[in-house]
Amino acid sequence: MSKTVLVTGASTGIGRATALLLAREGFTVYAGVRKESDGQALGPTVTPIILDVTDAGQTAEAAERLRHLDALVNNAGIGVTGPLEFVPLDALRRQYEVNVFGQVAVTQAMLPMLRASRGRVVTVGSVGSWITLPFGGPLCSSKHAIRSLNDALRMEVKPWGIRAVLIEPGSIHTDAVDKLEDEVEPRLASLGPEGRQLYGTAYRTMTTAGLKEERSGSSPDVVARAVLHALTARKPRSRYPVGKKSRLMSTLGRIVPQYTLDRLRLRALGLS
C-alpha cells in the first residue's frame, strides 16, 4: 500500500516539485492548492485539494476528507519584505497568518491521523531563520518562529513515533522570485511618502542584489529530493540545509559575531 501524503502550497515552486516527485516515487499525493485551475495544472498524478492554510473551514474539510495520512509536508508560505519602521501591520500579520499560524493549524488538524500511522511532519523553513537580511525582518522572523516551533514539536511527538523534520532551503530559483521584481514598486508605495524617501533607494538596491542571487539559485527539485529523503529514511535528520549557500549561510548565522555579520550582509547587498 502506498503512503499517503498532503503537500500544502503545491501550486508552484517547491510545493509543486515536491508533489510531483512524491507521486513519481509511488506516494498517494494530495496537493493543497488555493484555486481549482492550479490543481488541474498539476496533472493526473496527484489529487488536488482546495486548502488555504489560513482558512479554518478548509483545513477541517481537508482533514475530514483524508481520513488516513502518513505524512504532512508544510510548504505553504509567502514573503513580505520592507523596512520594519514602515511595513504595514496588516502585511506583517498576514506574513505570520500564512507562514506560522496556518502551518500550525494544519499540523494540529493532521496530527491525530499521523499519530495513528506513526507518520512524519516535514516543514519547509529557510536558512533565513539563521541569518536575517535587512528589509527581510517579516519573512525571516516567521521562518525563525517555525524553526523554534518545529524544535518543540519534534520532541513532543516523539513518544508516538512521529518524526518532525525541518527543511532549510538556501537560494532557490522559483516562479515567486521572478514575480518579486514586479512587486518592488507596489511595496514601496505601501510605505507612504516618508518611508519611500527614507528607505526607497536602499530597498531597491537590496532587492536587485537579492534577485540576482536567487535567480542563480538551485532548482526546487533539490528541495523536493530532500523532502523525499526525510519521508523515506529510516532515521531522517532533524534538519536538511539544501540548495545554494544553505550550509554557508546557516553556519555564518551561528558562529560569526553579529556586528561582523552585519557588515558582511550589508556589503553583499550593496548597502555598505
C-alpha atoms as a PDB file:
ATOM      1  CA  MET A   1       0.000   0.000   0.000  1.00  0.00           C
ATOM      2  CA  SER A   2       1.403   3.400  -0.960  1.00  0.00           C
ATOM      3  CA  LYS A   3       1.928   6.063   1.660  1.00  0.00           C
ATOM      4  CA  THR A   4      -0.482   8.986   1.679  1.00  0.00           C
ATOM      5  CA  VAL A   5       0.960  12.494   1.920  1.00  0.00           C
ATOM      6  CA  LEU A   6      -0.507  16.007   1.980  1.00  0.00           C
ATOM      7  CA  VAL A   7       1.646  18.773   0.496  1.00  0.00           C
ATOM      8  CA  THR A   8       0.479  22.335   1.207  1.00  0.00           C
ATOM      9  CA  GLY A   9       1.266  25.235  -1.096  1.00  0.00           C
ATOM     10  CA  ALA A  10       1.609  22.885  -4.069  1.00  0.00           C
ATOM     11  CA  SER A  11       0.570  25.256  -6.864  1.00  0.00           C
ATOM     12  CA  THR A  12       4.078  26.351  -7.831  1.00  0.00           C
ATOM     13  CA  GLY A  13       7.758  26.181  -6.956  1.00  0.00           C
ATOM     14  CA  ILE A  14       8.930  23.903  -4.160  1.00  0.00           C
ATOM     15  CA  GLY A  15       5.455  22.596  -3.361  1.00  0.00           C
ATOM     16  CA  ARG A  16       4.726  21.663  -6.972  1.00  0.00           C
ATOM     17  CA  ALA A  17       8.119  19.990  -7.435  1.00  0.00           C
ATOM     18  CA  THR A  18       7.644  18.053  -4.201  1.00  0.00           C
ATOM     19  CA  ALA A  19       4.129  16.861  -5.004  1.00  0.00           C
ATOM     20  CA  LEU A  20       5.120  15.642  -8.472  1.00  0.00           C
ATOM     21  CA  LEU A  21       8.288  13.907  -7.259  1.00  0.00           C
ATOM     22  CA  LEU A  22       6.473  12.097  -4.453  1.00  0.00           C
ATOM     23  CA  ALA A  23       3.818  10.936  -6.908  1.00  0.00           C
ATOM     24  CA  ARG A  24       6.515   9.559  -9.216  1.00  0.00           C
ATOM     25  CA  GLU A  25       8.014   7.740  -6.240  1.00  0.00           C
ATOM     26  CA  GLY A  26       4.753   5.938  -5.530  1.00  0.00           C
ATOM     27  CA  PHE A  27       3.137   8.129  -2.865  1.00  0.00           C
ATOM     28  CA  THR A  28      -0.574   8.879  -2.943  1.00  0.00           C
ATOM     29  CA  VAL A  29      -0.322  12.657  -3.039  1.00  0.00           C
ATOM     30  CA  TYR A  30      -2.907  15.227  -2.034  1.00  0.00           C
ATOM     31  CA  ALA A  31      -1.784  18.653  -3.241  1.00  0.00           C
ATOM     32  CA  GLY A  32      -3.080  21.645  -1.326  1.00  0.00           C
ATOM     33  CA  VAL A  33      -3.916  24.494  -3.716  1.00  0.00           C
ATOM     34  CA  ARG A  34      -5.980  27.653  -3.442  1.00  0.00           C
ATOM     35  CA  LYS A  35      -7.567  27.568  -6.915  1.00  0.00           C
ATOM     36  CA  GLU A  36      -9.086  24.748  -8.937  1.00  0.00           C
ATOM     37  CA  SER A  37      -7.097  25.796 -12.007  1.00  0.00           C
ATOM     38  CA  ASP A  38      -3.856  25.345 -10.064  1.00  0.00           C
ATOM     39  CA  GLY A  39      -4.919  21.837  -9.140  1.00  0.00           C
ATOM     40  CA  GLN A  40      -5.759  20.959 -12.736  1.00  0.00           C
ATOM     41  CA  ALA A  41      -2.365  22.260 -13.878  1.00  0.00           C
ATOM     42  CA  LEU A  42      -0.615  19.695 -11.680  1.00  0.00           C
ATOM     43  CA  GLY A  43      -1.804  16.878 -13.904  1.00  0.00           C
ATOM     44  CA  PRO A  44      -3.313  13.468 -13.203  1.00  0.00           C
ATOM     45  CA  THR A  45      -0.663  12.011 -10.869  1.00  0.00           C
ATOM     46  CA  VAL A  46      -1.788  13.978  -7.815  1.00  0.00           C
ATOM     47  CA  THR A  47      -5.146  14.739  -6.228  1.00  0.00           C
ATOM     48  CA  PRO A  48      -5.707  18.468  -5.722  1.00  0.00           C
ATOM     49  CA  ILE A  49      -7.471  19.625  -2.598  1.00  0.00           C
ATOM     50  CA  ILE A  50      -8.579  23.215  -2.030  1.00  0.00           C
ATOM     51  CA  LEU A  51      -6.661  24.359   1.019  1.00  0.00           C
ATOM     52  CA  ASP A  52      -5.901  27.891   2.119  1.00  0.00           C
ATOM     53  CA  VAL A  53      -3.963  27.243   5.325  1.00  0.00           C
ATOM     54  CA  THR A  54      -5.420  30.403   6.886  1.00  0.00           C
ATOM     55  CA  ASP A  55      -8.998  29.144   6.370  1.00  0.00           C
ATOM     56  CA  ALA A  56     -10.074  27.052   9.371  1.00  0.00           C
ATOM     57  CA  GLY A  57     -13.036  25.619   7.481  1.00  0.00           C
ATOM     58  CA  GLN A  58     -10.911  24.400   4.572  1.00  0.00           C
ATOM     59  CA  THR A  59      -8.375  22.884   6.965  1.00  0.00           C
ATOM     60  CA  ALA A  60     -11.118  20.959   8.778  1.00  0.00           C
ATOM     61  CA  GLU A  61     -12.617  19.806   5.479  1.00  0.00           C
ATOM     62  CA  ALA A  62      -9.209  18.573   4.304  1.00  0.00           C
ATOM     63  CA  ALA A  63      -8.727  16.532   7.475  1.00  0.00           C
ATOM     64  CA  GLU A  64     -12.219  15.054   7.144  1.00  0.00           C
ATOM     65  CA  ARG A  65     -11.648  14.151   3.505  1.00  0.00           C
ATOM     66  CA  LEU A  66      -8.292  12.458   4.049  1.00  0.00           C
ATOM     67  CA  ARG A  67      -9.273  10.122   6.916  1.00  0.00           C
ATOM     68  CA  HIS A  68      -5.802   8.494   6.739  1.00  0.00           C
ATOM     69  CA  LEU A  69      -2.438  10.211   6.433  1.00  0.00           C
ATOM     70  CA  ASP A  70       1.154   9.016   6.603  1.00  0.00           C
ATOM     71  CA  ALA A  71       2.935  12.329   6.086  1.00  0.00           C
ATOM     72  CA  LEU A  72       2.364  16.070   6.029  1.00  0.00           C
ATOM     73  CA  VAL A  73       4.609  18.463   4.097  1.00  0.00           C
ATOM     74  CA  ASN A  74       4.117  22.011   5.372  1.00  0.00           C
ATOM     75  CA  ASN A  75       5.228  24.152   2.453  1.00  0.00           C
ATOM     76  CA  ALA A  76       2.662  26.942   2.084  1.00  0.00           C
ATOM     77  CA  GLY A  77       4.229  30.348   2.608  1.00  0.00           C
ATOM     78  CA  ILE A  78       4.526  33.932   1.439  1.00  0.00           C
ATOM     79  CA  GLY A  79       7.284  36.532   1.669  1.00  0.00           C
ATOM     80  CA  VAL A  80       6.763  40.062   2.982  1.00  0.00           C
ATOM     81  CA  THR A  81       9.703  42.475   2.874  1.00  0.00           C
ATOM     82  CA  GLY A  82      10.223  46.100   3.792  1.00  0.00           C
ATOM     83  CA  PRO A  83      11.682  48.384   6.455  1.00  0.00           C
ATOM     84  CA  LEU A  84      10.317  47.475   9.851  1.00  0.00           C
ATOM     85  CA  GLU A  85       9.607  51.125  10.639  1.00  0.00           C
ATOM     86  CA  PHE A  86       7.017  51.352   7.864  1.00  0.00           C
ATOM     87  CA  VAL A  87       5.924  47.831   6.982  1.00  0.00           C
ATOM     88  CA  PRO A  88       2.102  47.812   7.193  1.00  0.00           C
ATOM     89  CA  LEU A  89       0.981  45.877  10.252  1.00  0.00           C
ATOM     90  CA  ASP A  90      -1.685  44.116   8.209  1.00  0.00           C
ATOM     91  CA  ALA A  91       1.067  42.821   5.919  1.00  0.00           C
ATOM     92  CA  LEU A  92       3.094  41.673   8.920  1.00  0.00           C
ATOM     93  CA  ARG A  93       0.065  39.898  10.360  1.00  0.00           C
ATOM     94  CA  ARG A  94      -0.586  38.231   7.005  1.00  0.00           C
ATOM     95  CA  GLN A  95       3.024  37.025   6.960  1.00  0.00           C
ATOM     96  CA  TYR A  96       2.503  35.221  10.254  1.00  0.00           C
ATOM     97  CA  GLU A  97      -1.008  34.012   9.435  1.00  0.00           C
ATOM     98  CA  VAL A  98       0.325  32.056   6.460  1.00  0.00           C
ATOM     99  CA  ASN A  99       3.868  31.094   7.455  1.00  0.00           C
ATOM    100  CA  VAL A 100       3.299  30.382  11.142  1.00  0.00           C
ATOM    101  CA  PHE A 101      -0.309  30.146  12.313  1.00  0.00           C
ATOM    102  CA  GLY A 102      -1.500  28.468   9.110  1.00  0.00           C
ATOM    103  CA  GLN A 103       1.209  25.809   9.297  1.00  0.00           C
ATOM    104  CA  VAL A 104       0.467  25.161  12.959  1.00  0.00           C
ATOM    105  CA  ALA A 105      -3.274  24.913  12.244  1.00  0.00           C
ATOM    106  CA  VAL A 106      -2.782  22.315   9.501  1.00  0.00           C
ATOM    107  CA  THR A 107      -0.351  20.356  11.675  1.00  0.00           C
ATOM    108  CA  GLN A 108      -2.799  20.308  14.575  1.00  0.00           C
ATOM    109  CA  ALA A 109      -5.592  19.081  12.302  1.00  0.00           C
ATOM    110  CA  MET A 110      -3.487  16.269  10.824  1.00  0.00           C
ATOM    111  CA  LEU A 111      -1.679  15.032  13.941  1.00  0.00           C
ATOM    112  CA  PRO A 112      -4.388  12.558  15.068  1.00  0.00           C
ATOM    113  CA  MET A 113      -4.024  10.742  11.732  1.00  0.00           C
ATOM    114  CA  LEU A 114      -0.230  10.953  11.876  1.00  0.00           C
ATOM    115  CA  ARG A 115      -0.274   9.535  15.401  1.00  0.00           C
ATOM    116  CA  ALA A 116      -2.295   6.571  14.169  1.00  0.00           C
ATOM    117  CA  SER A 117       0.110   5.944  11.286  1.00  0.00           C
ATOM    118  CA  ARG A 118       3.283   6.832  13.192  1.00  0.00           C
ATOM    119  CA  GLY A 119       3.834   9.296  10.376  1.00  0.00           C
ATOM    120  CA  ARG A 120       6.027  12.278   9.652  1.00  0.00           C
ATOM    121  CA  VAL A 121       5.748  16.059   9.546  1.00  0.00           C
ATOM    122  CA  VAL A 122       8.164  17.771   7.159  1.00  0.00           C
ATOM    123  CA  THR A 123       8.210  21.556   7.293  1.00  0.00           C
ATOM    124  CA  VAL A 124       9.867  23.802   4.726  1.00  0.00           C
ATOM    125  CA  GLY A 125      11.638  26.589   6.594  1.00  0.00           C
ATOM    126  CA  SER A 126      14.597  28.669   5.409  1.00  0.00           C
ATOM    127  CA  VAL A 127      18.219  29.489   6.148  1.00  0.00           C
ATOM    128  CA  GLY A 128      16.721  32.926   6.762  1.00  0.00           C
ATOM    129  CA  SER A 129      15.848  31.622  10.220  1.00  0.00           C
ATOM    130  CA  TRP A 130      19.587  31.753  10.983  1.00  0.00           C
ATOM    131  CA  ILE A 131      20.634  34.920   9.160  1.00  0.00           C
ATOM    132  CA  THR A 132      18.186  37.808   8.856  1.00  0.00           C
ATOM    133  CA  LEU A 133      18.650  40.252   5.984  1.00  0.00           C
ATOM    134  CA  PRO A 134      17.894  43.987   6.075  1.00  0.00           C
ATOM    135  CA  PHE A 135      14.301  44.556   4.933  1.00  0.00           C
ATOM    136  CA  GLY A 136      13.717  40.821   5.420  1.00  0.00           C
ATOM    137  CA  GLY A 137      12.512  41.065   9.008  1.00  0.00           C
ATOM    138  CA  PRO A 138       8.913  39.919   8.392  1.00  0.00           C
ATOM    139  CA  LEU A 139       9.859  36.874   6.324  1.00  0.00           C
ATOM    140  CA  CYS A 140      12.982  35.843   8.233  1.00  0.00           C
ATOM    141  CA  SER A 141      11.317  36.216  11.630  1.00  0.00           C
ATOM    142  CA  SER A 142       8.442  33.983  10.522  1.00  0.00           C
ATOM    143  CA  LYS A 143      10.953  31.317   9.493  1.00  0.00           C
ATOM    144  CA  HIS A 144      12.745  31.716  12.826  1.00  0.00           C
ATOM    145  CA  ALA A 145       9.415  31.139  14.589  1.00  0.00           C
ATOM    146  CA  ILE A 146       8.738  27.999  12.548  1.00  0.00           C
ATOM    147  CA  ARG A 147      12.194  26.635  13.352  1.00  0.00           C
ATOM    148  CA  SER A 148      11.552  27.072  17.079  1.00  0.00           C
ATOM    149  CA  LEU A 149       8.066  25.577  16.859  1.00  0.00           C
ATOM    150  CA  ASN A 150       9.395  22.606  14.911  1.00  0.00           C
ATOM    151  CA  ASP A 151      12.036  22.007  17.603  1.00  0.00           C
ATOM    152  CA  ALA A 152       9.274  21.817  20.205  1.00  0.00           C
ATOM    153  CA  LEU A 153       7.075  19.620  18.014  1.00  0.00           C
ATOM    154  CA  ARG A 154       9.917  17.197  17.292  1.00  0.00           C
ATOM    155  CA  MET A 155      10.347  16.447  20.992  1.00  0.00           C
ATOM    156  CA  GLU A 156       6.639  16.456  21.852  1.00  0.00           C
ATOM    157  CA  VAL A 157       5.506  13.918  19.247  1.00  0.00           C
ATOM    158  CA  LYS A 158       8.458  11.546  19.623  1.00  0.00           C
ATOM    159  CA  PRO A 159       6.608   9.232  22.082  1.00  0.00           C
ATOM    160  CA  TRP A 160       4.198   8.227  19.281  1.00  0.00           C
ATOM    161  CA  GLY A 161       6.912   7.528  16.738  1.00  0.00           C
ATOM    162  CA  ILE A 162       6.189  10.679  14.753  1.00  0.00           C
ATOM    163  CA  ARG A 163       9.212  12.373  13.185  1.00  0.00           C
ATOM    164  CA  ALA A 164       9.163  16.167  12.745  1.00  0.00           C
ATOM    165  CA  VAL A 165      11.783  17.341  10.251  1.00  0.00           C
ATOM    166  CA  LEU A 166      12.779  20.810   9.066  1.00  0.00           C
ATOM    167  CA  ILE A 167      13.982  21.537   5.521  1.00  0.00           C
ATOM    168  CA  GLU A 168      16.092  24.720   5.275  1.00  0.00           C
ATOM    169  CA  PRO A 169      16.483  25.886   1.662  1.00  0.00           C
ATOM    170  CA  GLY A 170      19.099  28.433   0.678  1.00  0.00           C
ATOM    171  CA  SER A 171      18.847  30.263  -2.652  1.00  0.00           C
ATOM    172  CA  ILE A 172      16.170  28.541  -4.735  1.00  0.00           C
ATOM    173  CA  HIS A 173      15.025  29.814  -8.140  1.00  0.00           C
ATOM    174  CA  THR A 174      11.233  29.604  -8.287  1.00  0.00           C
ATOM    175  CA  ASP A 175       8.466  31.461 -10.109  1.00  0.00           C
ATOM    176  CA  ALA A 176       7.974  33.577  -6.976  1.00  0.00           C
ATOM    177  CA  VAL A 177      11.470  35.017  -7.437  1.00  0.00           C
ATOM    178  CA  ASP A 178      10.639  36.225 -10.943  1.00  0.00           C
ATOM    179  CA  LYS A 179       7.401  37.823  -9.731  1.00  0.00           C
ATOM    180  CA  LEU A 180       9.165  39.701  -6.940  1.00  0.00           C
ATOM    181  CA  GLU A 181      10.641  42.257  -9.335  1.00  0.00           C
ATOM    182  CA  ASP A 182       7.140  43.431 -10.299  1.00  0.00           C
ATOM    183  CA  GLU A 183       6.236  43.789  -6.619  1.00  0.00           C
ATOM    184  CA  VAL A 184       9.037  46.192  -5.676  1.00  0.00           C
ATOM    185  CA  GLU A 185       7.284  49.453  -6.568  1.00  0.00           C
ATOM    186  CA  PRO A 186       3.869  48.451  -5.133  1.00  0.00           C
ATOM    187  CA  ARG A 187       5.572  47.505  -1.873  1.00  0.00           C
ATOM    188  CA  LEU A 188       7.397  50.814  -1.792  1.00  0.00           C
ATOM    189  CA  ALA A 189       4.091  52.589  -2.449  1.00  0.00           C
ATOM    190  CA  SER A 190       2.620  50.906   0.616  1.00  0.00           C
ATOM    191  CA  LEU A 191       5.281  52.576   2.794  1.00  0.00           C
ATOM    192  CA  GLY A 192       3.957  56.066   2.172  1.00  0.00           C
ATOM    193  CA  PRO A 193       5.931  59.179   1.099  1.00  0.00           C
ATOM    194  CA  GLU A 194       8.171  59.312   4.177  1.00  0.00           C
ATOM    195  CA  GLY A 195       9.001  55.620   4.023  1.00  0.00           C
ATOM    196  CA  ARG A 196       9.895  55.845   0.341  1.00  0.00           C
ATOM    197  CA  GLN A 197      12.092  58.882   0.952  1.00  0.00           C
ATOM    198  CA  LEU A 198      13.981  57.264   3.819  1.00  0.00           C
ATOM    199  CA  TYR A 199      14.318  53.706   2.542  1.00  0.00           C
ATOM    200  CA  GLY A 200      13.436  53.657  -1.163  1.00  0.00           C
ATOM    201  CA  THR A 201      16.960  53.664  -2.580  1.00  0.00           C
ATOM    202  CA  ALA A 202      18.292  51.107  -0.114  1.00  0.00           C
ATOM    203  CA  TYR A 203      15.278  48.823  -0.624  1.00  0.00           C
ATOM    204  CA  ARG A 204      15.680  48.858  -4.402  1.00  0.00           C
ATOM    205  CA  THR A 205      19.407  48.148  -4.058  1.00  0.00           C
ATOM    206  CA  MET A 206      18.764  45.239  -1.712  1.00  0.00           C
ATOM    207  CA  THR A 207      16.071  43.812  -3.973  1.00  0.00           C
ATOM    208  CA  THR A 208      18.289  43.980  -7.065  1.00  0.00           C
ATOM    209  CA  ALA A 209      21.095  42.137  -5.281  1.00  0.00           C
ATOM    210  CA  GLY A 210      18.694  39.619  -3.776  1.00  0.00           C
ATOM    211  CA  LEU A 211      17.021  38.856  -7.097  1.00  0.00           C
ATOM    212  CA  LYS A 212      20.397  38.283  -8.749  1.00  0.00           C
ATOM    213  CA  GLU A 213      21.322  35.811  -6.024  1.00  0.00           C
ATOM    214  CA  GLU A 214      18.022  33.945  -6.128  1.00  0.00           C
ATOM    215  CA  ARG A 215      17.971  33.691  -9.925  1.00  0.00           C
ATOM    216  CA  SER A 216      21.292  31.884  -9.790  1.00  0.00           C
ATOM    217  CA  GLY A 217      19.954  29.604  -7.079  1.00  0.00           C
ATOM    218  CA  SER A 218      19.261  25.894  -7.099  1.00  0.00           C
ATOM    219  CA  SER A 219      16.256  24.225  -8.676  1.00  0.00           C
ATOM    220  CA  PRO A 220      13.204  23.482  -6.495  1.00  0.00           C
ATOM    221  CA  ASP A 221      13.900  19.846  -7.312  1.00  0.00           C
ATOM    222  CA  VAL A 222      16.789  19.768  -4.806  1.00  0.00           C
ATOM    223  CA  VAL A 223      14.339  20.668  -2.053  1.00  0.00           C
ATOM    224  CA  ALA A 224      11.871  18.059  -3.286  1.00  0.00           C
ATOM    225  CA  ARG A 225      14.572  15.397  -3.096  1.00  0.00           C
ATOM    226  CA  ALA A 226      15.399  16.424   0.475  1.00  0.00           C
ATOM    227  CA  VAL A 227      11.723  16.085   1.383  1.00  0.00           C
ATOM    228  CA  LEU A 228      11.674  12.633  -0.202  1.00  0.00           C
ATOM    229  CA  HIS A 229      14.666  11.586   1.901  1.00  0.00           C
ATOM    230  CA  ALA A 230      13.057  12.982   5.056  1.00  0.00           C
ATOM    231  CA  LEU A 231       9.947  10.901   4.343  1.00  0.00           C
ATOM    232  CA  THR A 232      11.662   7.643   3.430  1.00  0.00           C
ATOM    233  CA  ALA A 233      14.858   7.444   5.506  1.00  0.00           C
ATOM    234  CA  ARG A 234      14.678   5.076   8.462  1.00  0.00           C
ATOM    235  CA  LYS A 235      16.317   7.744  10.609  1.00  0.00           C
ATOM    236  CA  PRO A 236      15.808  11.152   8.963  1.00  0.00           C
ATOM    237  CA  ARG A 237      17.940  14.052  10.050  1.00  0.00           C
ATOM    238  CA  SER A 238      16.328  16.717  12.209  1.00  0.00           C
ATOM    239  CA  ARG A 239      17.264  19.429   9.666  1.00  0.00           C
ATOM    240  CA  TYR A 240      18.193  19.431   5.997  1.00  0.00           C
ATOM    241  CA  PRO A 241      20.035  22.512   4.690  1.00  0.00           C
ATOM    242  CA  VAL A 242      19.592  22.304   0.904  1.00  0.00           C
ATOM    243  CA  GLY A 243      20.361  24.417  -2.135  1.00  0.00           C
ATOM    244  CA  LYS A 244      22.923  27.051  -2.955  1.00  0.00           C
ATOM    245  CA  LYS A 245      24.762  28.525   0.048  1.00  0.00           C
ATOM    246  CA  SER A 246      22.410  26.867   2.542  1.00  0.00           C
ATOM    247  CA  ARG A 247      25.159  25.383   4.704  1.00  0.00           C
ATOM    248  CA  LEU A 248      27.317  28.518   4.449  1.00  0.00           C
ATOM    249  CA  MET A 249      24.512  30.859   5.478  1.00  0.00           C
ATOM    250  CA  SER A 250      23.289  28.777   8.400  1.00  0.00           C
ATOM    251  CA  THR A 251      26.854  28.319   9.641  1.00  0.00           C
ATOM    252  CA  LEU A 252      27.665  32.024   9.390  1.00  0.00           C
ATOM    253  CA  GLY A 253      24.482  32.848  11.285  1.00  0.00           C
ATOM    254  CA  ARG A 254      25.546  30.628  14.163  1.00  0.00           C
ATOM    255  CA  ILE A 255      29.249  31.385  14.567  1.00  0.00           C
ATOM    256  CA  VAL A 256      30.086  34.861  13.229  1.00  0.00           C
ATOM    257  CA  PRO A 257      29.834  37.787  15.700  1.00  0.00           C
ATOM    258  CA  GLN A 258      26.760  39.879  14.966  1.00  0.00           C
ATOM    259  CA  TYR A 259      28.426  43.181  14.076  1.00  0.00           C
ATOM    260  CA  THR A 260      30.821  41.368  11.762  1.00  0.00           C
ATOM    261  CA  LEU A 261      27.862  39.555  10.232  1.00  0.00           C
ATOM    262  CA  ASP A 262      26.062  42.891   9.792  1.00  0.00           C
ATOM    263  CA  ARG A 263      28.970  44.236   7.735  1.00  0.00           C
ATOM    264  CA  LEU A 264      29.089  41.102   5.599  1.00  0.00           C
ATOM    265  CA  ARG A 265      25.360  41.220   4.916  1.00  0.00           C
ATOM    266  CA  LEU A 266      25.304  44.918   4.062  1.00  0.00           C
ATOM    267  CA  ARG A 267      28.309  44.602   1.760  1.00  0.00           C
ATOM    268  CA  ALA A 268      26.834  41.600  -0.041  1.00  0.00           C
ATOM    269  CA  LEU A 269      23.620  43.538  -0.699  1.00  0.00           C
ATOM    270  CA  GLY A 270      25.412  46.693  -1.855  1.00  0.00           C
ATOM    271  CA  LEU A 271      24.363  48.630   1.241  1.00  0.00           C
ATOM    272  CA  SER A 272      27.706  49.130   2.983  1.00  0.00           C
END
